Amino acid sequence: MSLKGKTLFMTGGSRGIGLAIALKAARDGANVAIAAKTAEPHKHLPGTIYSAAEAIEKAGGKALPLICDVREEAQVQASVDRAVETFGGIDLLLNNASAISLTGTLQTDMKRYDLMHQITARGTFLTSKICIPHLMRSANPHVLNMSPPLDVSAKWLGRHVAYTSAKLVMAMCTRGMAEEFREDGIAFNSLWPRTGIATAAIEFAVSGQEGLRGCRTVDIMADAAYVIFNKPAREFTGNFLIDDIVLYDAGERDFDKYRVDPTHDLGGGDYMIPDDMPPPPGVSLKAVA
């Protein structure tokens, strides 16, 4: 497997899972266009598009940092045009940009609701729409959405309908576009983590530093995305994928290496995951003795 010479266009990615996936591709010698709006350091979160680009170059790839707000059609169009002009095309699209607020209906103000739906849902549709004509020219084009399986269970919608519904629109894009562009040979798949993933954004917005102990590292998502991007696009589309299942099917058996703290139980083991997608055989979420 190799992504050498491939061009990855990703939304978000100045830190966390997106950056980890970019670095994995960069080690093969891939080109990475980072379309994100973090040009200046966030007061709580590390990383900018420029620090990400520097890390990608050091890893062996070619980077193109692009200041882009995925809510703005003109900015997304200009960013895609610049990536194509620089690298000659687009082979892979990672819809990674997202906004999160795990709040109930009465606690969710409309500004936060709009932010989640404009970035997560609309941004995914818009970026895909603009990239598709270029992906049609690629030999093995993939679109990967960072979304859960398309499961409209009341169990999850009832907890925080604003966030969950935005994420489920991403999943609907996966299902719908996989069918719409099946004859064009573009793969559309979704990838979701089994557990919490240790990122600065999750630490700040959800769990705090102590909560990270029950997480896996970003490497599990990067390794899973790498496997997906190397699949034959015409044969592997319309799938809702869980990180550890992807890697188990690819032959991985050591999942403890992805734990932040092996002495701590992994949390979130069923979060927005259907009951018929349990952990792979022998993979435990319990603390390592």
C-alpha atoms as a PDB file:
ATOM      1  CA  MET A   1       0.000   0.000   0.000  1.00  0.00           C
ATOM      2  CA  SER A   2       1.224   3.497  -0.756  1.00  0.00           C
ATOM      3  CA  LEU A   3      -0.135   7.015  -1.213  1.00  0.00           C
ATOM      4  CA  LYS A   4       3.039   8.293  -2.854  1.00  0.00           C
ATOM      5  CA  GLY A   5       2.249  11.091  -5.286  1.00  0.00           C
ATOM      6  CA  LYS A   6      -1.439  11.166  -4.324  1.00  0.00           C
ATOM      7  CA  THR A   7      -3.067  14.471  -3.435  1.00  0.00           C
ATOM      8  CA  LEU A   8      -5.179  14.645  -0.282  1.00  0.00           C
ATOM      9  CA  PHE A   9      -7.517  17.616   0.178  1.00  0.00           C
ATOM     10  CA  MET A  10      -8.772  17.849   3.739  1.00  0.00           C
ATOM     11  CA  THR A  11     -10.954  20.210   5.688  1.00  0.00           C
ATOM     12  CA  GLY A  12      -9.789  20.980   9.184  1.00  0.00           C
ATOM     13  CA  GLY A  13      -6.557  19.205  10.007  1.00  0.00           C
ATOM     14  CA  SER A  14      -4.435  21.772  11.777  1.00  0.00           C
ATOM     15  CA  ARG A  15      -4.409  19.355  14.721  1.00  0.00           C
ATOM     16  CA  GLY A  16      -5.865  16.093  16.028  1.00  0.00           C
ATOM     17  CA  ILE A  17      -7.196  13.286  13.849  1.00  0.00           C
ATOM     18  CA  GLY A  18      -6.986  15.240  10.603  1.00  0.00           C
ATOM     19  CA  LEU A  19      -3.323  16.076  11.111  1.00  0.00           C
ATOM     20  CA  ALA A  20      -2.538  12.470  12.090  1.00  0.00           C
ATOM     21  CA  ILE A  21      -4.104  11.205   8.848  1.00  0.00           C
ATOM     22  CA  ALA A  22      -2.195  13.832   6.874  1.00  0.00           C
ATOM     23  CA  LEU A  23       1.107  12.841   8.467  1.00  0.00           C
ATOM     24  CA  LYS A  24       0.468   9.159   7.707  1.00  0.00           C
ATOM     25  CA  ALA A  25      -0.075  10.035   4.041  1.00  0.00           C
ATOM     26  CA  ALA A  26       2.924  12.389   4.040  1.00  0.00           C
ATOM     27  CA  ARG A  27       5.273   9.592   5.121  1.00  0.00           C
ATOM     28  CA  ASP A  28       4.488   7.939   1.775  1.00  0.00           C
ATOM     29  CA  GLY A  29       5.284  11.165  -0.057  1.00  0.00           C
ATOM     30  CA  ALA A  30       1.716  12.391  -0.586  1.00  0.00           C
ATOM     31  CA  ASN A  31       0.641  15.963  -1.285  1.00  0.00           C
ATOM     32  CA  VAL A  32      -1.647  17.449   1.355  1.00  0.00           C
ATOM     33  CA  ALA A  33      -3.839  20.543   0.979  1.00  0.00           C
ATOM     34  CA  ILE A  34      -5.029  21.724   4.397  1.00  0.00           C
ATOM     35  CA  ALA A  35      -8.203  23.799   4.094  1.00  0.00           C
ATOM     36  CA  ALA A  36      -8.868  25.216   7.546  1.00  0.00           C
ATOM     37  CA  LYS A  37      -9.376  28.592   9.171  1.00  0.00           C
ATOM     38  CA  THR A  38      -6.830  28.328  12.002  1.00  0.00           C
ATOM     39  CA  ALA A  39      -4.190  30.746  10.782  1.00  0.00           C
ATOM     40  CA  GLU A  40      -3.466  32.041  14.295  1.00  0.00           C
ATOM     41  CA  PRO A  41      -3.103  29.845  17.394  1.00  0.00           C
ATOM     42  CA  HIS A  42      -6.354  29.176  19.257  1.00  0.00           C
ATOM     43  CA  LYS A  43      -6.330  30.315  22.886  1.00  0.00           C
ATOM     44  CA  HIS A  44      -7.083  26.761  24.062  1.00  0.00           C
ATOM     45  CA  LEU A  45      -5.973  24.510  21.200  1.00  0.00           C
ATOM     46  CA  PRO A  46      -2.498  24.041  19.688  1.00  0.00           C
ATOM     47  CA  GLY A  47      -1.684  24.102  15.978  1.00  0.00           C
ATOM     48  CA  THR A  48      -2.353  26.189  12.890  1.00  0.00           C
ATOM     49  CA  ILE A  49      -2.453  25.345   9.190  1.00  0.00           C
ATOM     50  CA  TYR A  50       1.149  26.560   9.021  1.00  0.00           C
ATOM     51  CA  SER A  51       2.477  24.383  11.840  1.00  0.00           C
ATOM     52  CA  ALA A  52       0.588  21.450  10.303  1.00  0.00           C
ATOM     53  CA  ALA A  53       2.132  22.170   6.901  1.00  0.00           C
ATOM     54  CA  GLU A  54       5.599  22.274   8.457  1.00  0.00           C
ATOM     55  CA  ALA A  55       5.017  18.891  10.124  1.00  0.00           C
ATOM     56  CA  ILE A  56       3.763  17.398   6.841  1.00  0.00           C
ATOM     57  CA  GLU A  57       6.855  18.603   4.987  1.00  0.00           C
ATOM     58  CA  LYS A  58       9.135  17.182   7.693  1.00  0.00           C
ATOM     59  CA  ALA A  59       7.319  13.837   7.409  1.00  0.00           C
ATOM     60  CA  GLY A  60       8.170  13.643   3.714  1.00  0.00           C
ATOM     61  CA  GLY A  61       5.108  15.075   2.009  1.00  0.00           C
ATOM     62  CA  LYS A  62       4.310  18.306   0.204  1.00  0.00           C
ATOM     63  CA  ALA A  63       1.939  20.675   1.981  1.00  0.00           C
ATOM     64  CA  LEU A  64      -0.325  23.501   0.901  1.00  0.00           C
ATOM     65  CA  PRO A  65      -1.872  25.484   3.774  1.00  0.00           C
ATOM     66  CA  LEU A  66      -5.118  27.173   2.721  1.00  0.00           C
ATOM     67  CA  ILE A  67      -7.052  29.608   4.885  1.00  0.00           C
ATOM     68  CA  CYS A  68     -10.608  28.433   4.364  1.00  0.00           C
ATOM     69  CA  ASP A  69     -13.912  28.619   6.187  1.00  0.00           C
ATOM     70  CA  VAL A  70     -15.944  25.647   4.904  1.00  0.00           C
ATOM     71  CA  ARG A  71     -19.125  27.651   5.499  1.00  0.00           C
ATOM     72  CA  GLU A  72     -18.141  29.987   2.661  1.00  0.00           C
ATOM     73  CA  GLU A  73     -18.661  28.588  -0.847  1.00  0.00           C
ATOM     74  CA  ALA A  74     -16.271  31.041  -2.515  1.00  0.00           C
ATOM     75  CA  GLN A  75     -13.481  30.148  -0.078  1.00  0.00           C
ATOM     76  CA  VAL A  76     -13.923  26.414  -0.609  1.00  0.00           C
ATOM     77  CA  GLN A  77     -13.950  26.877  -4.384  1.00  0.00           C
ATOM     78  CA  ALA A  78     -10.801  29.012  -4.271  1.00  0.00           C
ATOM     79  CA  SER A  79      -9.043  26.484  -2.032  1.00  0.00           C
ATOM     80  CA  VAL A  80      -9.883  23.556  -4.300  1.00  0.00           C
ATOM     81  CA  ASP A  81      -8.796  25.540  -7.360  1.00  0.00           C
ATOM     82  CA  ARG A  82      -5.485  26.370  -5.675  1.00  0.00           C
ATOM     83  CA  ALA A  83      -4.872  22.735  -4.711  1.00  0.00           C
ATOM     84  CA  VAL A  84      -5.544  21.555  -8.267  1.00  0.00           C
ATOM     85  CA  GLU A  85      -3.332  24.293  -9.685  1.00  0.00           C
ATOM     86  CA  THR A  86      -0.516  23.364  -7.289  1.00  0.00           C
ATOM     87  CA  PHE A  87      -0.668  19.569  -7.389  1.00  0.00           C
ATOM     88  CA  GLY A  88      -2.421  18.855 -10.686  1.00  0.00           C
ATOM     89  CA  GLY A  89      -5.566  17.257  -9.288  1.00  0.00           C
ATOM     90  CA  ILE A  90      -7.231  15.696  -6.245  1.00  0.00           C
ATOM     91  CA  ASP A  91      -7.215  11.976  -5.474  1.00  0.00           C
ATOM     92  CA  LEU A  92      -8.471  11.891  -1.883  1.00  0.00           C
ATOM     93  CA  LEU A  93     -10.911  14.055   0.068  1.00  0.00           C
ATOM     94  CA  LEU A  94     -11.108  13.968   3.847  1.00  0.00           C
ATOM     95  CA  ASN A  95     -14.160  15.755   5.246  1.00  0.00           C
ATOM     96  CA  ASN A  96     -12.797  16.255   8.725  1.00  0.00           C
ATOM     97  CA  ALA A  97     -13.978  19.737   9.737  1.00  0.00           C
ATOM     98  CA  SER A  98     -16.585  19.593  12.474  1.00  0.00           C
ATOM     99  CA  ALA A  99     -18.018  21.544  15.390  1.00  0.00           C
ATOM    100  CA  ILE A 100     -19.112  19.910  18.617  1.00  0.00           C
ATOM    101  CA  SER A 101     -21.411  20.818  21.484  1.00  0.00           C
ATOM    102  CA  LEU A 102     -22.798  17.868  23.426  1.00  0.00           C
ATOM    103  CA  THR A 103     -25.738  19.793  24.806  1.00  0.00           C
ATOM    104  CA  GLY A 104     -29.429  19.121  25.092  1.00  0.00           C
ATOM    105  CA  THR A 105     -32.082  21.045  23.203  1.00  0.00           C
ATOM    106  CA  LEU A 106     -32.717  23.693  25.860  1.00  0.00           C
ATOM    107  CA  GLN A 107     -28.999  24.202  26.442  1.00  0.00           C
ATOM    108  CA  THR A 108     -28.128  24.640  22.745  1.00  0.00           C
ATOM    109  CA  ASP A 109     -28.329  28.225  21.548  1.00  0.00           C
ATOM    110  CA  MET A 110     -29.083  28.728  17.869  1.00  0.00           C
ATOM    111  CA  LYS A 111     -25.687  30.222  17.144  1.00  0.00           C
ATOM    112  CA  ARG A 112     -24.082  26.962  18.253  1.00  0.00           C
ATOM    113  CA  TYR A 113     -26.706  24.908  16.365  1.00  0.00           C
ATOM    114  CA  ASP A 114     -26.015  26.853  13.167  1.00  0.00           C
ATOM    115  CA  LEU A 115     -22.249  26.470  13.613  1.00  0.00           C
ATOM    116  CA  MET A 116     -22.498  22.679  13.892  1.00  0.00           C
ATOM    117  CA  HIS A 117     -24.816  22.283  10.934  1.00  0.00           C
ATOM    118  CA  GLN A 118     -22.983  24.772   8.722  1.00  0.00           C
ATOM    119  CA  ILE A 119     -19.525  23.283   9.329  1.00  0.00           C
ATOM    120  CA  THR A 120     -20.306  19.607   9.827  1.00  0.00           C
ATOM    121  CA  ALA A 121     -23.279  19.036   7.520  1.00  0.00           C
ATOM    122  CA  ARG A 122     -23.233  21.801   4.925  1.00  0.00           C
ATOM    123  CA  GLY A 123     -19.435  21.921   4.807  1.00  0.00           C
ATOM    124  CA  THR A 124     -19.241  18.223   3.967  1.00  0.00           C
ATOM    125  CA  PHE A 125     -21.810  18.534   1.181  1.00  0.00           C
ATOM    126  CA  LEU A 126     -20.223  21.679  -0.242  1.00  0.00           C
ATOM    127  CA  THR A 127     -16.629  20.455  -0.213  1.00  0.00           C
ATOM    128  CA  SER A 128     -17.626  17.135  -1.750  1.00  0.00           C
ATOM    129  CA  LYS A 129     -19.632  18.905  -4.468  1.00  0.00           C
ATOM    130  CA  ILE A 130     -16.680  21.077  -5.469  1.00  0.00           C
ATOM    131  CA  CYS A 131     -14.105  18.274  -5.343  1.00  0.00           C
ATOM    132  CA  ILE A 132     -16.113  15.634  -7.234  1.00  0.00           C
ATOM    133  CA  PRO A 133     -15.315  16.899 -10.775  1.00  0.00           C
ATOM    134  CA  HIS A 134     -11.606  16.613  -9.946  1.00  0.00           C
ATOM    135  CA  LEU A 135     -11.971  13.252  -8.205  1.00  0.00           C
ATOM    136  CA  MET A 136     -13.576  11.896 -11.390  1.00  0.00           C
ATOM    137  CA  ARG A 137     -10.186  12.291 -13.084  1.00  0.00           C
ATOM    138  CA  SER A 138      -8.298  10.307 -10.444  1.00  0.00           C
ATOM    139  CA  ALA A 139      -7.306   6.669 -10.917  1.00  0.00           C
ATOM    140  CA  ASN A 140      -8.533   5.635  -7.436  1.00  0.00           C
ATOM    141  CA  PRO A 141     -10.610   8.449  -5.909  1.00  0.00           C
ATOM    142  CA  HIS A 142     -11.799   8.292  -2.305  1.00  0.00           C
ATOM    143  CA  VAL A 143     -13.962  10.548  -0.142  1.00  0.00           C
ATOM    144  CA  LEU A 144     -13.783   9.798   3.568  1.00  0.00           C
ATOM    145  CA  ASN A 145     -16.257  11.436   5.942  1.00  0.00           C
ATOM    146  CA  MET A 146     -15.541  11.545   9.670  1.00  0.00           C
ATOM    147  CA  SER A 147     -19.040  10.472  10.660  1.00  0.00           C
ATOM    148  CA  PRO A 148     -20.810   7.703  12.578  1.00  0.00           C
ATOM    149  CA  PRO A 149     -22.872   4.984  10.907  1.00  0.00           C
ATOM    150  CA  LEU A 150     -26.268   6.091   9.614  1.00  0.00           C
ATOM    151  CA  ASP A 151     -28.227   4.945  12.651  1.00  0.00           C
ATOM    152  CA  VAL A 152     -31.096   7.233  13.660  1.00  0.00           C
ATOM    153  CA  SER A 153     -31.501   5.594  17.049  1.00  0.00           C
ATOM    154  CA  ALA A 154     -33.338   7.591  19.698  1.00  0.00           C
ATOM    155  CA  LYS A 155     -30.619   6.455  22.089  1.00  0.00           C
ATOM    156  CA  TRP A 156     -28.208   8.999  20.572  1.00  0.00           C
ATOM    157  CA  LEU A 157     -30.554  11.618  19.151  1.00  0.00           C
ATOM    158  CA  GLY A 158     -32.175  11.918  22.548  1.00  0.00           C
ATOM    159  CA  ARG A 159     -28.919  12.931  24.215  1.00  0.00           C
ATOM    160  CA  HIS A 160     -27.947  15.868  22.024  1.00  0.00           C
ATOM    161  CA  VAL A 161     -30.059  16.113  18.913  1.00  0.00           C
ATOM    162  CA  ALA A 162     -28.298  19.194  17.490  1.00  0.00           C
ATOM    163  CA  TYR A 163     -24.823  17.631  17.311  1.00  0.00           C
ATOM    164  CA  THR A 164     -25.997  14.129  16.449  1.00  0.00           C
ATOM    165  CA  SER A 165     -28.223  15.293  13.597  1.00  0.00           C
ATOM    166  CA  ALA A 166     -25.368  17.300  12.054  1.00  0.00           C
ATOM    167  CA  LYS A 167     -23.132  14.232  12.141  1.00  0.00           C
ATOM    168  CA  LEU A 168     -25.877  12.076  10.650  1.00  0.00           C
ATOM    169  CA  VAL A 169     -26.119  14.425   7.660  1.00  0.00           C
ATOM    170  CA  MET A 170     -22.461  13.561   6.981  1.00  0.00           C
ATOM    171  CA  ALA A 171     -23.467   9.901   7.067  1.00  0.00           C
ATOM    172  CA  MET A 172     -26.325  10.620   4.648  1.00  0.00           C
ATOM    173  CA  CYS A 173     -23.803  12.211   2.269  1.00  0.00           C
ATOM    174  CA  THR A 174     -21.798   8.989   2.423  1.00  0.00           C
ATOM    175  CA  ARG A 175     -24.781   6.782   1.647  1.00  0.00           C
ATOM    176  CA  GLY A 176     -26.302   9.048  -1.002  1.00  0.00           C
ATOM    177  CA  MET A 177     -23.160  10.064  -2.874  1.00  0.00           C
ATOM    178  CA  ALA A 178     -21.794   6.510  -2.874  1.00  0.00           C
ATOM    179  CA  GLU A 179     -24.839   5.534  -4.899  1.00  0.00           C
ATOM    180  CA  GLU A 180     -25.002   8.688  -6.990  1.00  0.00           C
ATOM    181  CA  PHE A 181     -21.375   8.437  -8.120  1.00  0.00           C
ATOM    182  CA  ARG A 182     -20.995   4.649  -8.150  1.00  0.00           C
ATOM    183  CA  GLU A 183     -20.671   4.546 -11.944  1.00  0.00           C
ATOM    184  CA  ASP A 184     -18.006   7.253 -11.794  1.00  0.00           C
ATOM    185  CA  GLY A 185     -15.869   5.059  -9.577  1.00  0.00           C
ATOM    186  CA  ILE A 186     -15.609   7.460  -6.630  1.00  0.00           C
ATOM    187  CA  ALA A 187     -15.636   5.760  -3.227  1.00  0.00           C
ATOM    188  CA  PHE A 188     -17.572   7.457  -0.427  1.00  0.00           C
ATOM    189  CA  ASN A 189     -17.081   5.955   3.033  1.00  0.00           C
ATOM    190  CA  SER A 190     -17.464   7.007   6.672  1.00  0.00           C
ATOM    191  CA  LEU A 191     -15.001   6.326   9.474  1.00  0.00           C
ATOM    192  CA  TRP A 192     -15.828   6.555  13.189  1.00  0.00           C
ATOM    193  CA  PRO A 193     -13.853   5.698  16.345  1.00  0.00           C
ATOM    194  CA  ARG A 194     -14.899   2.952  18.725  1.00  0.00           C
ATOM    195  CA  THR A 195     -13.645   4.916  21.733  1.00  0.00           C
ATOM    196  CA  GLY A 196     -12.831   8.467  22.610  1.00  0.00           C
ATOM    197  CA  ILE A 197      -9.757   9.730  20.745  1.00  0.00           C
ATOM    198  CA  ALA A 198      -7.180  11.783  22.626  1.00  0.00           C
ATOM    199  CA  THR A 199      -7.170  15.193  20.977  1.00  0.00           C
ATOM    200  CA  ALA A 200      -6.818  18.666  22.387  1.00  0.00           C
ATOM    201  CA  ALA A 201     -10.298  19.521  21.105  1.00  0.00           C
ATOM    202  CA  ILE A 202     -11.869  16.615  23.016  1.00  0.00           C
ATOM    203  CA  GLU A 203      -9.890  17.508  26.125  1.00  0.00           C
ATOM    204  CA  PHE A 204     -11.126  21.102  25.957  1.00  0.00           C
ATOM    205  CA  ALA A 205     -14.729  20.540  24.819  1.00  0.00           C
ATOM    206  CA  VAL A 206     -15.713  17.212  26.345  1.00  0.00           C
ATOM    207  CA  SER A 207     -13.641  15.264  28.827  1.00  0.00           C
ATOM    208  CA  GLY A 208     -10.788  17.275  30.344  1.00  0.00           C
ATOM    209  CA  GLN A 209      -7.278  15.919  30.795  1.00  0.00           C
ATOM    210  CA  GLU A 210      -8.345  13.079  33.087  1.00  0.00           C
ATOM    211  CA  GLY A 211     -10.835  11.880  30.488  1.00  0.00           C
ATOM    212  CA  LEU A 212      -8.063  11.381  27.948  1.00  0.00           C
ATOM    213  CA  ARG A 213      -6.800   8.410  29.960  1.00  0.00           C
ATOM    214  CA  GLY A 214      -9.776   6.401  28.701  1.00  0.00           C
ATOM    215  CA  CYS A 215      -9.055   7.235  25.063  1.00  0.00           C
ATOM    216  CA  ARG A 216      -7.110   5.752  22.200  1.00  0.00           C
ATOM    217  CA  THR A 217      -4.508   7.813  20.344  1.00  0.00           C
ATOM    218  CA  VAL A 218      -5.059   9.512  17.000  1.00  0.00           C
ATOM    219  CA  ASP A 219      -2.843   6.850  15.409  1.00  0.00           C
ATOM    220  CA  ILE A 220      -5.690   4.323  15.276  1.00  0.00           C
ATOM    221  CA  MET A 221      -7.771   6.647  13.103  1.00  0.00           C
ATOM    222  CA  ALA A 222      -4.777   7.503  10.909  1.00  0.00           C
ATOM    223  CA  ASP A 223      -3.942   3.835  10.375  1.00  0.00           C
ATOM    224  CA  ALA A 224      -7.579   3.004   9.578  1.00  0.00           C
ATOM    225  CA  ALA A 225      -7.917   5.895   7.118  1.00  0.00           C
ATOM    226  CA  TYR A 226      -4.712   4.766   5.398  1.00  0.00           C
ATOM    227  CA  VAL A 227      -6.150   1.289   4.862  1.00  0.00           C
ATOM    228  CA  ILE A 228      -9.362   2.760   3.428  1.00  0.00           C
ATOM    229  CA  PHE A 229      -7.581   5.147   1.046  1.00  0.00           C
ATOM    230  CA  ASN A 230      -5.644   2.219  -0.413  1.00  0.00           C
ATOM    231  CA  LYS A 231      -8.762   0.157  -1.176  1.00  0.00           C
ATOM    232  CA  PRO A 232      -9.948  -0.156  -4.804  1.00  0.00           C
ATOM    233  CA  ALA A 233     -12.477   2.666  -5.010  1.00  0.00           C
ATOM    234  CA  ARG A 234     -14.886   0.912  -7.390  1.00  0.00           C
ATOM    235  CA  GLU A 235     -15.107  -2.101  -5.075  1.00  0.00           C
ATOM    236  CA  PHE A 236     -15.225  -0.365  -1.690  1.00  0.00           C
ATOM    237  CA  THR A 237     -17.848   2.347  -1.356  1.00  0.00           C
ATOM    238  CA  GLY A 238     -20.884   3.196   0.759  1.00  0.00           C
ATOM    239  CA  ASN A 239     -19.434   1.683   3.934  1.00  0.00           C
ATOM    240  CA  PHE A 240     -19.810   2.824   7.530  1.00  0.00           C
ATOM    241  CA  LEU A 241     -16.577   1.823   9.196  1.00  0.00           C
ATOM    242  CA  ILE A 242     -15.292   1.590  12.763  1.00  0.00           C
ATOM    243  CA  ASP A 243     -11.565   2.110  13.302  1.00  0.00           C
ATOM    244  CA  ASP A 244     -10.706  -1.154  15.092  1.00  0.00           C
ATOM    245  CA  ILE A 245     -12.819  -3.286  12.737  1.00  0.00           C
ATOM    246  CA  VAL A 246     -11.045  -1.793   9.706  1.00  0.00           C
ATOM    247  CA  LEU A 247      -7.645  -2.583  11.196  1.00  0.00           C
ATOM    248  CA  TYR A 248      -8.627  -6.048  12.431  1.00  0.00           C
ATOM    249  CA  ASP A 249      -9.837  -6.943   8.944  1.00  0.00           C
ATOM    250  CA  ALA A 250      -6.483  -5.665   7.608  1.00  0.00           C
ATOM    251  CA  GLY A 251      -4.595  -8.038   9.915  1.00  0.00           C
ATOM    252  CA  GLU A 252      -3.861  -5.893  12.981  1.00  0.00           C
ATOM    253  CA  ARG A 253      -4.046  -7.716  16.319  1.00  0.00           C
ATOM    254  CA  ASP A 254      -2.244  -5.417  18.763  1.00  0.00           C
ATOM    255  CA  PHE A 255      -4.788  -2.784  19.786  1.00  0.00           C
ATOM    256  CA  ASP A 256      -3.290  -2.046  23.192  1.00  0.00           C
ATOM    257  CA  LYS A 257      -0.597   0.020  21.474  1.00  0.00           C
ATOM    258  CA  TYR A 258      -3.268   2.606  20.691  1.00  0.00           C
ATOM    259  CA  ARG A 259      -4.241   3.166  24.347  1.00  0.00           C
ATOM    260  CA  VAL A 260      -3.284   6.418  26.050  1.00  0.00           C
ATOM    261  CA  ASP A 261      -3.228   4.661  29.429  1.00  0.00           C
ATOM    262  CA  PRO A 262      -3.321   0.837  29.375  1.00  0.00           C
ATOM    263  CA  THR A 263      -4.315   0.769  33.062  1.00  0.00           C
ATOM    264  CA  HIS A 264      -7.545   2.641  32.350  1.00  0.00           C
ATOM    265  CA  ASP A 265     -10.779   1.293  30.813  1.00  0.00           C
ATOM    266  CA  LEU A 266     -11.510   2.685  27.367  1.00  0.00           C
ATOM    267  CA  GLY A 267     -14.571   4.923  27.293  1.00  0.00           C
ATOM    268  CA  GLY A 268     -17.283   5.501  24.718  1.00  0.00           C
ATOM    269  CA  GLY A 269     -17.208   1.959  23.411  1.00  0.00           C
ATOM    270  CA  ASP A 270     -20.691   2.153  21.871  1.00  0.00           C
ATOM    271  CA  TYR A 271     -21.000   5.862  21.185  1.00  0.00           C
ATOM    272  CA  MET A 272     -23.183   6.231  18.071  1.00  0.00           C
ATOM    273  CA  ILE A 273     -22.247   2.681  17.052  1.00  0.00           C
ATOM    274  CA  PRO A 274     -25.012   0.181  16.187  1.00  0.00           C
ATOM    275  CA  ASP A 275     -25.340  -2.908  18.367  1.00  0.00           C
ATOM    276  CA  ASP A 276     -24.380  -5.146  15.445  1.00  0.00           C
ATOM    277  CA  MET A 277     -20.875  -3.629  15.250  1.00  0.00           C
ATOM    278  CA  PRO A 278     -19.189  -4.954  18.416  1.00  0.00           C
ATOM    279  CA  PRO A 279     -15.393  -4.902  18.972  1.00  0.00           C
ATOM    280  CA  PRO A 280     -13.422  -7.459  16.943  1.00  0.00           C
ATOM    281  CA  PRO A 281     -12.694 -10.883  18.490  1.00  0.00           C
ATOM    282  CA  GLY A 282     -10.248 -10.607  21.373  1.00  0.00           C
ATOM    283  CA  VAL A 283     -10.302  -6.804  21.462  1.00  0.00           C
ATOM    284  CA  SER A 284     -11.169  -5.601  24.974  1.00  0.00           C
ATOM    285  CA  LEU A 285     -12.033  -2.128  26.187  1.00  0.00           C
ATOM    286  CA  LYS A 286     -11.128  -3.063  29.749  1.00  0.00           C
ATOM    287  CA  ALA A 287      -7.902  -1.959  31.409  1.00  0.00           C
ATOM    288  CA  VAL A 288      -4.862  -4.090  30.693  1.00  0.00           C
ATOM    289  CA  ALA A 289      -4.000  -6.083  33.816  1.00  0.00           C
END
